């Protein structure tokens, strides 16, 4: 199963805790059940908020079982290419997820309309204001509403993928 972690510029490195859960699952299975890909729109190096640079693959079209958006300490900007990727994934993937402020990117793609979602408590009111068709619950560490999953904070991303 293909798993994609989309890195927004200035992402938080703690987001890699979420993909580590898939690595552990592979180890316990004794085989590569999850095929992990770290992605960005153009591919190449993407800098984290601390300046650590990570090599990424460009977005591609093959379907993902799970696609996760990793953001940083500020609300990320949603490029048209990222919005297209997420909308396509929502048609094909088993899960489309966000870690912390990545929920704003899912909202920009229209994936939170009519759904329940969460994000960091400090930004919950802003998520509610920007996406009034979304029912925001800031009391959950993660939330799964159908195939759309959101986490409240950075470390909650690991709970989300393990859930």
N, C-alpha and C. Protein backbone atom coordinates (compact mmCIF):
# COMPACT_ATOMS: atom_id res chain seq x y z
N UNK A 1 0.84 -1.18 0.00
CA UNK A 1 0.00 0.00 0.00
C UNK A 1 0.89 1.23 0.00
N UNK A 2 0.61 2.15 -0.93
CA UNK A 2 1.40 3.37 -1.03
C UNK A 2 0.94 4.40 -0.01
N UNK A 3 1.91 4.95 0.72
CA UNK A 3 1.65 6.01 1.69
C UNK A 3 2.48 7.21 1.28
N UNK A 4 1.83 8.36 1.16
CA UNK A 4 2.52 9.60 0.82
C UNK A 4 2.45 10.59 1.95
N UNK A 5 3.60 11.17 2.28
CA UNK A 5 3.67 12.26 3.25
C UNK A 5 4.03 13.51 2.47
N UNK A 6 3.10 14.44 2.36
CA UNK A 6 3.31 15.70 1.63
C UNK A 6 3.88 16.71 2.61
N UNK A 7 5.07 17.21 2.30
CA UNK A 7 5.72 18.20 3.16
C UNK A 7 5.42 19.60 2.66
N UNK A 8 4.75 20.39 3.49
CA UNK A 8 4.58 21.81 3.20
C UNK A 8 5.88 22.51 3.59
N UNK A 9 6.22 23.60 2.91
CA UNK A 9 7.43 24.34 3.30
C UNK A 9 7.38 24.72 4.78
N UNK A 10 8.53 24.61 5.44
CA UNK A 10 8.66 24.90 6.88
C UNK A 10 7.89 23.91 7.75
N UNK A 11 7.73 22.68 7.26
CA UNK A 11 7.05 21.64 8.03
C UNK A 11 7.79 21.38 9.34
N UNK A 12 7.11 20.81 10.30
CA UNK A 12 7.72 20.40 11.56
C UNK A 12 8.26 18.98 11.42
N UNK A 13 9.51 18.77 11.80
CA UNK A 13 10.15 17.46 11.67
C UNK A 13 9.42 16.38 12.48
N UNK A 14 8.72 16.76 13.53
CA UNK A 14 8.00 15.78 14.35
C UNK A 14 6.94 15.05 13.53
N UNK A 15 6.55 15.61 12.39
CA UNK A 15 5.57 14.95 11.52
C UNK A 15 6.07 13.58 11.03
N UNK A 16 7.40 13.40 11.03
CA UNK A 16 7.93 12.11 10.61
C UNK A 16 7.57 11.00 11.60
N UNK A 17 7.14 11.35 12.79
CA UNK A 17 6.66 10.34 13.74
C UNK A 17 5.49 9.56 13.17
N UNK A 18 4.67 10.25 12.38
CA UNK A 18 3.51 9.58 11.78
C UNK A 18 3.94 8.50 10.78
N UNK A 19 4.91 8.80 9.92
CA UNK A 19 5.33 7.78 8.95
C UNK A 19 6.16 6.70 9.61
N UNK A 20 6.77 7.01 10.75
CA UNK A 20 7.51 5.99 11.48
C UNK A 20 6.60 4.84 11.89
N UNK A 21 5.33 5.15 12.15
CA UNK A 21 4.38 4.09 12.50
C UNK A 21 4.23 3.08 11.37
N UNK A 22 4.27 3.54 10.12
CA UNK A 22 4.18 2.62 8.98
C UNK A 22 5.46 1.79 8.87
N UNK A 23 6.59 2.40 9.16
CA UNK A 23 7.87 1.69 9.14
C UNK A 23 7.86 0.57 10.19
N UNK A 24 7.36 0.86 11.38
CA UNK A 24 7.26 -0.14 12.44
C UNK A 24 6.32 -1.27 12.01
N UNK A 25 5.21 -0.90 11.39
CA UNK A 25 4.26 -1.92 10.91
C UNK A 25 4.93 -2.84 9.89
N UNK A 26 5.74 -2.27 8.99
CA UNK A 26 6.48 -3.08 8.02
C UNK A 26 7.42 -4.04 8.73
N UNK A 27 8.12 -3.55 9.74
CA UNK A 27 9.07 -4.39 10.47
C UNK A 27 8.35 -5.54 11.15
N UNK A 28 7.23 -5.24 11.80
CA UNK A 28 6.47 -6.30 12.49
C UNK A 28 5.86 -7.30 11.52
N UNK A 29 5.50 -6.84 10.34
CA UNK A 29 4.93 -7.74 9.33
C UNK A 29 6.01 -8.61 8.68
N UNK A 30 7.26 -8.17 8.78
CA UNK A 30 8.34 -8.92 8.16
C UNK A 30 8.41 -8.74 6.65
N UNK A 31 7.68 -7.76 6.17
CA UNK A 31 7.68 -7.45 4.74
C UNK A 31 7.25 -6.01 4.55
N UNK A 32 7.42 -5.51 3.33
CA UNK A 32 7.08 -4.12 3.02
C UNK A 32 5.60 -4.04 2.64
N UNK A 33 4.76 -3.90 3.66
CA UNK A 33 3.32 -3.75 3.45
C UNK A 33 3.02 -2.32 2.99
N UNK A 34 3.73 -1.37 3.60
CA UNK A 34 3.53 0.05 3.29
C UNK A 34 4.74 0.57 2.52
N UNK A 35 4.50 1.15 1.36
CA UNK A 35 5.52 1.72 0.50
C UNK A 35 5.50 3.23 0.73
N UNK A 36 6.48 3.74 1.48
CA UNK A 36 6.47 5.13 1.93
C UNK A 36 7.12 6.07 0.92
N UNK A 37 6.47 7.23 0.69
CA UNK A 37 6.97 8.26 -0.22
C UNK A 37 6.85 9.61 0.46
N UNK A 38 7.93 10.39 0.42
CA UNK A 38 7.91 11.76 0.94
C UNK A 38 7.81 12.67 -0.27
N UNK A 39 6.80 13.53 -0.28
CA UNK A 39 6.42 14.28 -1.48
C UNK A 39 6.42 15.79 -1.27
N UNK A 40 6.66 16.49 -2.35
CA UNK A 40 6.42 17.94 -2.44
C UNK A 40 6.01 18.22 -3.88
N UNK A 41 5.50 19.39 -4.11
CA UNK A 41 4.96 19.67 -5.44
C UNK A 41 5.99 19.50 -6.55
N UNK A 42 7.18 20.03 -6.36
CA UNK A 42 8.19 19.98 -7.41
C UNK A 42 9.26 18.92 -7.17
N UNK A 43 9.22 18.26 -6.01
CA UNK A 43 10.28 17.33 -5.66
C UNK A 43 11.53 18.11 -5.25
N UNK A 44 12.54 17.39 -4.81
CA UNK A 44 13.78 18.03 -4.38
C UNK A 44 13.77 18.31 -2.89
N UNK A 45 14.69 19.17 -2.47
CA UNK A 45 14.83 19.47 -1.05
C UNK A 45 13.74 20.41 -0.55
N UNK A 46 13.19 20.07 0.62
CA UNK A 46 12.22 20.93 1.31
C UNK A 46 12.77 21.16 2.71
N UNK A 47 12.81 22.41 3.13
CA UNK A 47 13.35 22.75 4.45
C UNK A 47 12.27 22.71 5.51
N UNK A 48 12.62 22.13 6.65
CA UNK A 48 11.73 22.13 7.81
C UNK A 48 11.82 23.48 8.51
N UNK A 49 11.00 23.67 9.53
CA UNK A 49 11.03 24.92 10.28
C UNK A 49 12.37 25.12 10.99
N UNK A 50 13.08 24.03 11.27
CA UNK A 50 14.38 24.13 11.94
C UNK A 50 15.54 24.18 10.95
N UNK A 51 15.23 24.15 9.65
CA UNK A 51 16.26 24.24 8.64
C UNK A 51 16.76 22.90 8.12
N UNK A 52 16.30 21.80 8.70
CA UNK A 52 16.68 20.48 8.21
C UNK A 52 16.05 20.31 6.83
N UNK A 53 16.84 19.88 5.87
CA UNK A 53 16.33 19.69 4.52
C UNK A 53 16.09 18.21 4.24
N UNK A 54 14.97 17.94 3.60
CA UNK A 54 14.57 16.57 3.31
C UNK A 54 14.35 16.44 1.80
N UNK A 55 14.90 15.38 1.21
CA UNK A 55 14.70 15.12 -0.21
C UNK A 55 13.30 14.54 -0.41
N UNK A 56 12.60 15.08 -1.40
CA UNK A 56 11.23 14.65 -1.69
C UNK A 56 11.09 14.25 -3.15
N UNK A 57 10.06 13.50 -3.41
CA UNK A 57 9.67 13.14 -4.78
C UNK A 57 8.58 14.12 -5.21
N UNK A 58 8.47 14.43 -6.50
CA UNK A 58 7.36 15.29 -6.95
C UNK A 58 6.04 14.53 -6.86
N UNK A 59 4.96 15.30 -6.74
CA UNK A 59 3.63 14.68 -6.76
C UNK A 59 3.53 13.82 -8.01
N UNK A 60 2.87 12.71 -7.89
CA UNK A 60 2.63 11.88 -9.07
C UNK A 60 1.19 11.39 -9.05
N UNK A 61 0.80 10.72 -10.07
CA UNK A 61 -0.59 10.33 -10.23
C UNK A 61 -0.99 8.97 -9.67
N UNK A 62 -0.07 8.01 -9.51
CA UNK A 62 -0.54 6.72 -9.03
C UNK A 62 -1.30 6.86 -7.71
N UNK A 63 -2.30 6.05 -7.50
CA UNK A 63 -3.11 6.21 -6.29
C UNK A 63 -2.35 5.87 -5.02
N UNK A 64 -2.76 6.51 -3.95
CA UNK A 64 -2.20 6.25 -2.63
C UNK A 64 -3.26 5.57 -1.78
N UNK A 65 -2.83 4.66 -0.93
CA UNK A 65 -3.72 4.11 0.09
C UNK A 65 -3.99 5.19 1.12
N UNK A 66 -2.91 5.89 1.52
CA UNK A 66 -3.00 6.94 2.53
C UNK A 66 -2.14 8.11 2.08
N UNK A 67 -2.69 9.31 2.14
CA UNK A 67 -1.96 10.52 1.82
C UNK A 67 -2.09 11.46 3.01
N UNK A 68 -0.94 11.93 3.53
CA UNK A 68 -0.90 12.73 4.75
C UNK A 68 -0.24 14.07 4.45
N UNK A 69 -0.85 15.17 4.89
CA UNK A 69 -0.28 16.51 4.73
C UNK A 69 0.38 16.91 6.04
N UNK A 70 1.68 17.24 5.96
CA UNK A 70 2.46 17.67 7.12
C UNK A 70 2.75 19.16 7.00
N UNK A 71 2.38 19.91 8.02
CA UNK A 71 2.57 21.36 8.00
C UNK A 71 3.53 21.78 9.10
N UNK A 72 3.66 23.08 9.27
CA UNK A 72 4.56 23.63 10.28
C UNK A 72 3.80 24.38 11.36
N UNK A 73 4.41 25.45 11.84
CA UNK A 73 3.85 26.22 12.95
C UNK A 73 2.94 27.35 12.50
N UNK A 74 2.80 27.52 11.19
CA UNK A 74 1.91 28.53 10.65
C UNK A 74 0.98 27.88 9.63
N UNK A 75 -0.17 28.48 9.41
CA UNK A 75 -1.12 27.94 8.44
C UNK A 75 -0.44 27.91 7.07
N UNK A 76 -0.38 26.74 6.45
CA UNK A 76 0.31 26.64 5.16
C UNK A 76 -0.51 27.23 4.02
N UNK A 77 0.20 27.59 2.97
CA UNK A 77 -0.44 28.04 1.74
C UNK A 77 -0.73 26.83 0.87
N UNK A 78 -1.91 26.77 0.33
CA UNK A 78 -2.32 25.65 -0.52
C UNK A 78 -2.13 26.03 -1.98
N UNK A 79 -1.19 25.38 -2.64
CA UNK A 79 -0.98 25.65 -4.06
C UNK A 79 -2.06 24.95 -4.87
N UNK A 80 -2.32 25.42 -6.09
CA UNK A 80 -3.30 24.72 -6.95
C UNK A 80 -2.92 23.25 -7.19
N UNK A 81 -1.63 22.96 -7.32
CA UNK A 81 -1.19 21.58 -7.53
C UNK A 81 -1.48 20.70 -6.34
N UNK A 82 -1.28 21.23 -5.13
CA UNK A 82 -1.58 20.45 -3.93
C UNK A 82 -3.07 20.21 -3.80
N UNK A 83 -3.86 21.23 -4.08
CA UNK A 83 -5.32 21.07 -4.02
C UNK A 83 -5.77 19.99 -5.01
N UNK A 84 -5.22 20.01 -6.23
CA UNK A 84 -5.57 18.96 -7.22
C UNK A 84 -5.18 17.57 -6.73
N UNK A 85 -3.98 17.45 -6.15
CA UNK A 85 -3.53 16.17 -5.63
C UNK A 85 -4.48 15.65 -4.56
N UNK A 86 -4.87 16.51 -3.64
CA UNK A 86 -5.75 16.08 -2.54
C UNK A 86 -7.14 15.71 -3.04
N UNK A 87 -7.66 16.47 -3.98
CA UNK A 87 -8.98 16.13 -4.52
C UNK A 87 -8.94 14.80 -5.25
N UNK A 88 -7.88 14.55 -6.01
CA UNK A 88 -7.74 13.26 -6.70
C UNK A 88 -7.59 12.14 -5.68
N UNK A 89 -6.80 12.37 -4.64
CA UNK A 89 -6.62 11.35 -3.60
C UNK A 89 -7.93 11.04 -2.90
N UNK A 90 -8.75 12.06 -2.70
CA UNK A 90 -10.03 11.85 -2.02
C UNK A 90 -10.96 10.95 -2.83
N UNK A 91 -10.74 10.87 -4.13
CA UNK A 91 -11.55 9.97 -4.96
C UNK A 91 -11.04 8.52 -4.88
N UNK A 92 -9.74 8.36 -4.64
CA UNK A 92 -9.13 7.04 -4.76
C UNK A 92 -8.59 6.45 -3.47
N UNK A 93 -8.11 7.27 -2.55
CA UNK A 93 -7.39 6.79 -1.38
C UNK A 93 -8.33 6.27 -0.30
N UNK A 94 -7.80 5.37 0.49
CA UNK A 94 -8.53 4.88 1.65
C UNK A 94 -8.60 5.97 2.72
N UNK A 95 -7.48 6.74 2.84
CA UNK A 95 -7.43 7.83 3.82
C UNK A 95 -6.69 9.02 3.23
N UNK A 96 -7.21 10.21 3.50
CA UNK A 96 -6.51 11.47 3.25
C UNK A 96 -6.48 12.15 4.61
N UNK A 97 -5.29 12.47 5.06
CA UNK A 97 -5.14 12.93 6.44
C UNK A 97 -4.30 14.20 6.51
N UNK A 98 -4.40 14.87 7.65
CA UNK A 98 -3.57 16.04 7.90
C UNK A 98 -3.05 15.97 9.32
N UNK A 99 -1.87 16.53 9.47
CA UNK A 99 -1.27 16.65 10.79
C UNK A 99 -1.35 18.12 11.19
N UNK A 100 -2.00 18.38 12.30
CA UNK A 100 -2.11 19.71 12.89
C UNK A 100 -2.67 20.73 11.89
N UNK A 101 -1.90 21.74 11.52
CA UNK A 101 -2.39 22.81 10.66
C UNK A 101 -2.56 22.39 9.21
N UNK A 102 -2.19 21.17 8.88
CA UNK A 102 -2.47 20.64 7.55
C UNK A 102 -3.96 20.57 7.28
N UNK A 103 -4.76 20.63 8.33
CA UNK A 103 -6.22 20.62 8.16
C UNK A 103 -6.69 21.80 7.31
N UNK A 104 -5.97 22.91 7.35
CA UNK A 104 -6.34 24.06 6.53
C UNK A 104 -6.17 23.74 5.04
N UNK A 105 -5.18 22.94 4.71
CA UNK A 105 -4.98 22.54 3.31
C UNK A 105 -6.13 21.63 2.87
N UNK A 106 -6.54 20.71 3.73
CA UNK A 106 -7.69 19.86 3.40
C UNK A 106 -8.94 20.73 3.20
N UNK A 107 -9.09 21.74 4.05
CA UNK A 107 -10.20 22.67 3.89
C UNK A 107 -10.15 23.43 2.58
N UNK A 108 -8.96 23.90 2.21
CA UNK A 108 -8.81 24.61 0.94
C UNK A 108 -9.17 23.72 -0.24
N UNK A 109 -8.96 22.42 -0.10
CA UNK A 109 -9.30 21.48 -1.17
C UNK A 109 -10.78 21.09 -1.15
N UNK A 110 -11.53 21.62 -0.17
CA UNK A 110 -12.96 21.32 -0.07
C UNK A 110 -13.25 19.99 0.60
N UNK A 111 -12.25 19.37 1.20
CA UNK A 111 -12.44 18.03 1.76
C UNK A 111 -13.05 18.03 3.16
N UNK A 112 -13.15 19.19 3.79
CA UNK A 112 -13.74 19.25 5.13
C UNK A 112 -15.23 19.62 5.10
N UNK A 113 -15.75 19.99 3.94
CA UNK A 113 -17.16 20.39 3.85
C UNK A 113 -18.06 19.24 4.28
N UNK A 114 -18.93 19.53 5.24
CA UNK A 114 -19.88 18.53 5.72
C UNK A 114 -19.26 17.48 6.62
N UNK A 115 -18.04 17.68 7.05
CA UNK A 115 -17.35 16.69 7.89
C UNK A 115 -16.98 17.28 9.24
N UNK A 116 -16.62 16.39 10.15
CA UNK A 116 -16.05 16.79 11.43
C UNK A 116 -14.53 16.75 11.29
N UNK A 117 -13.86 17.71 11.93
CA UNK A 117 -12.40 17.78 11.86
C UNK A 117 -11.86 18.43 13.12
N UNK A 118 -10.56 18.29 13.29
CA UNK A 118 -9.88 18.95 14.40
C UNK A 118 -8.58 19.55 13.90
N UNK A 119 -8.01 20.41 14.71
CA UNK A 119 -6.70 21.00 14.46
C UNK A 119 -6.17 21.47 15.80
N UNK A 120 -5.03 22.11 15.81
CA UNK A 120 -4.47 22.63 17.06
C UNK A 120 -5.48 23.58 17.70
N UNK A 121 -5.66 23.47 19.01
CA UNK A 121 -6.68 24.27 19.70
C UNK A 121 -6.52 25.76 19.45
N UNK A 122 -5.28 26.23 19.29
CA UNK A 122 -5.04 27.66 19.10
C UNK A 122 -5.62 28.15 17.77
N UNK A 123 -5.81 27.25 16.80
CA UNK A 123 -6.29 27.63 15.48
C UNK A 123 -7.69 27.12 15.18
N UNK A 124 -8.33 26.50 16.15
CA UNK A 124 -9.65 25.91 15.93
C UNK A 124 -10.69 26.96 15.51
N UNK A 125 -10.70 28.11 16.15
CA UNK A 125 -11.68 29.15 15.81
C UNK A 125 -11.44 29.64 14.38
N UNK A 126 -10.18 29.75 13.97
CA UNK A 126 -9.89 30.20 12.61
C UNK A 126 -10.30 29.14 11.59
N UNK A 127 -10.08 27.86 11.91
CA UNK A 127 -10.52 26.80 11.01
C UNK A 127 -12.04 26.85 10.85
N UNK A 128 -12.74 27.04 11.95
CA UNK A 128 -14.21 27.13 11.94
C UNK A 128 -14.67 28.33 11.09
N UNK A 129 -13.98 29.47 11.23
CA UNK A 129 -14.36 30.67 10.49
C UNK A 129 -14.09 30.53 8.99
N UNK A 130 -12.96 29.93 8.64
CA UNK A 130 -12.61 29.78 7.21
C UNK A 130 -13.42 28.72 6.50
N UNK A 131 -13.84 27.71 7.26
CA UNK A 131 -14.57 26.59 6.65
C UNK A 131 -15.86 26.32 7.43
N UNK A 132 -16.85 27.20 7.28
CA UNK A 132 -18.07 27.10 8.09
C UNK A 132 -18.87 25.82 7.86
N UNK A 133 -18.63 25.13 6.75
CA UNK A 133 -19.34 23.87 6.50
C UNK A 133 -18.69 22.69 7.21
N UNK A 134 -17.62 22.94 7.93
CA UNK A 134 -16.92 21.91 8.70
C UNK A 134 -17.31 22.05 10.17
N UNK A 135 -17.56 20.93 10.81
CA UNK A 135 -17.84 20.92 12.25
C UNK A 135 -16.50 20.68 12.97
N UNK A 136 -15.93 21.74 13.54
CA UNK A 136 -14.62 21.67 14.18
C UNK A 136 -14.79 21.27 15.64
N UNK A 137 -14.05 20.25 16.06
CA UNK A 137 -14.08 19.79 17.45
C UNK A 137 -12.65 19.88 17.99
N UNK A 138 -12.38 20.87 18.82
CA UNK A 138 -11.03 21.07 19.32
C UNK A 138 -10.71 20.20 20.53
N UNK A 139 -11.64 19.38 20.96
CA UNK A 139 -11.42 18.52 22.12
C UNK A 139 -10.94 17.13 21.77
N UNK A 140 -10.66 16.86 20.52
CA UNK A 140 -10.20 15.54 20.08
C UNK A 140 -8.73 15.63 19.67
N UNK A 141 -7.94 14.58 19.95
CA UNK A 141 -6.55 14.61 19.50
C UNK A 141 -6.45 14.21 18.03
N UNK A 142 -7.39 13.39 17.58
CA UNK A 142 -7.52 13.15 16.14
C UNK A 142 -8.96 12.76 15.87
N UNK A 143 -9.33 12.88 14.60
CA UNK A 143 -10.70 12.59 14.22
C UNK A 143 -10.70 11.95 12.84
N UNK A 144 -11.49 10.90 12.71
CA UNK A 144 -11.69 10.27 11.41
C UNK A 144 -13.16 10.42 11.04
N UNK A 145 -13.40 11.12 9.94
CA UNK A 145 -14.76 11.26 9.42
C UNK A 145 -14.73 10.65 8.02
N UNK A 146 -15.14 9.41 7.94
CA UNK A 146 -15.03 8.69 6.68
C UNK A 146 -13.56 8.54 6.33
N UNK A 147 -13.21 8.89 5.11
CA UNK A 147 -11.83 8.73 4.67
C UNK A 147 -10.96 9.96 4.99
N UNK A 148 -11.55 11.01 5.56
CA UNK A 148 -10.81 12.22 5.88
C UNK A 148 -10.47 12.22 7.37
N UNK A 149 -9.17 12.25 7.65
CA UNK A 149 -8.66 12.18 9.02
C UNK A 149 -7.86 13.44 9.33
N UNK A 150 -8.02 13.98 10.53
CA UNK A 150 -7.29 15.17 10.96
C UNK A 150 -6.76 14.95 12.37
N UNK A 151 -5.62 15.59 12.67
CA UNK A 151 -5.09 15.51 14.04
C UNK A 151 -4.98 16.91 14.62
N UNK A 152 -5.04 16.97 15.95
CA UNK A 152 -5.04 18.25 16.63
C UNK A 152 -3.66 18.88 16.72
N UNK A 153 -2.65 18.09 16.88
CA UNK A 153 -1.31 18.63 17.04
C UNK A 153 -0.29 17.78 16.30
N UNK A 154 0.96 18.19 16.40
CA UNK A 154 2.03 17.49 15.69
C UNK A 154 2.19 16.06 16.17
N UNK A 155 2.34 15.88 17.48
CA UNK A 155 2.55 14.51 17.99
C UNK A 155 1.28 13.68 17.87
N UNK A 156 0.13 14.32 17.80
CA UNK A 156 -1.13 13.59 17.61
C UNK A 156 -1.20 12.95 16.24
N UNK A 157 -0.34 13.37 15.30
CA UNK A 157 -0.29 12.73 13.99
C UNK A 157 0.09 11.26 14.09
N UNK A 158 0.93 10.92 15.06
CA UNK A 158 1.29 9.52 15.27
C UNK A 158 0.09 8.74 15.78
N UNK A 159 -0.66 9.34 16.69
CA UNK A 159 -1.90 8.69 17.17
C UNK A 159 -2.88 8.51 16.03
N UNK A 160 -2.97 9.48 15.15
CA UNK A 160 -3.89 9.43 14.03
C UNK A 160 -3.61 8.22 13.15
N UNK A 161 -2.36 8.02 12.74
CA UNK A 161 -2.07 6.91 11.82
C UNK A 161 -2.12 5.56 12.52
N UNK A 162 -1.99 5.56 13.83
CA UNK A 162 -2.05 4.30 14.59
C UNK A 162 -3.49 3.94 14.93
N UNK A 163 -4.39 4.92 14.76
CA UNK A 163 -5.79 4.75 15.16
C UNK A 163 -6.53 3.91 14.29
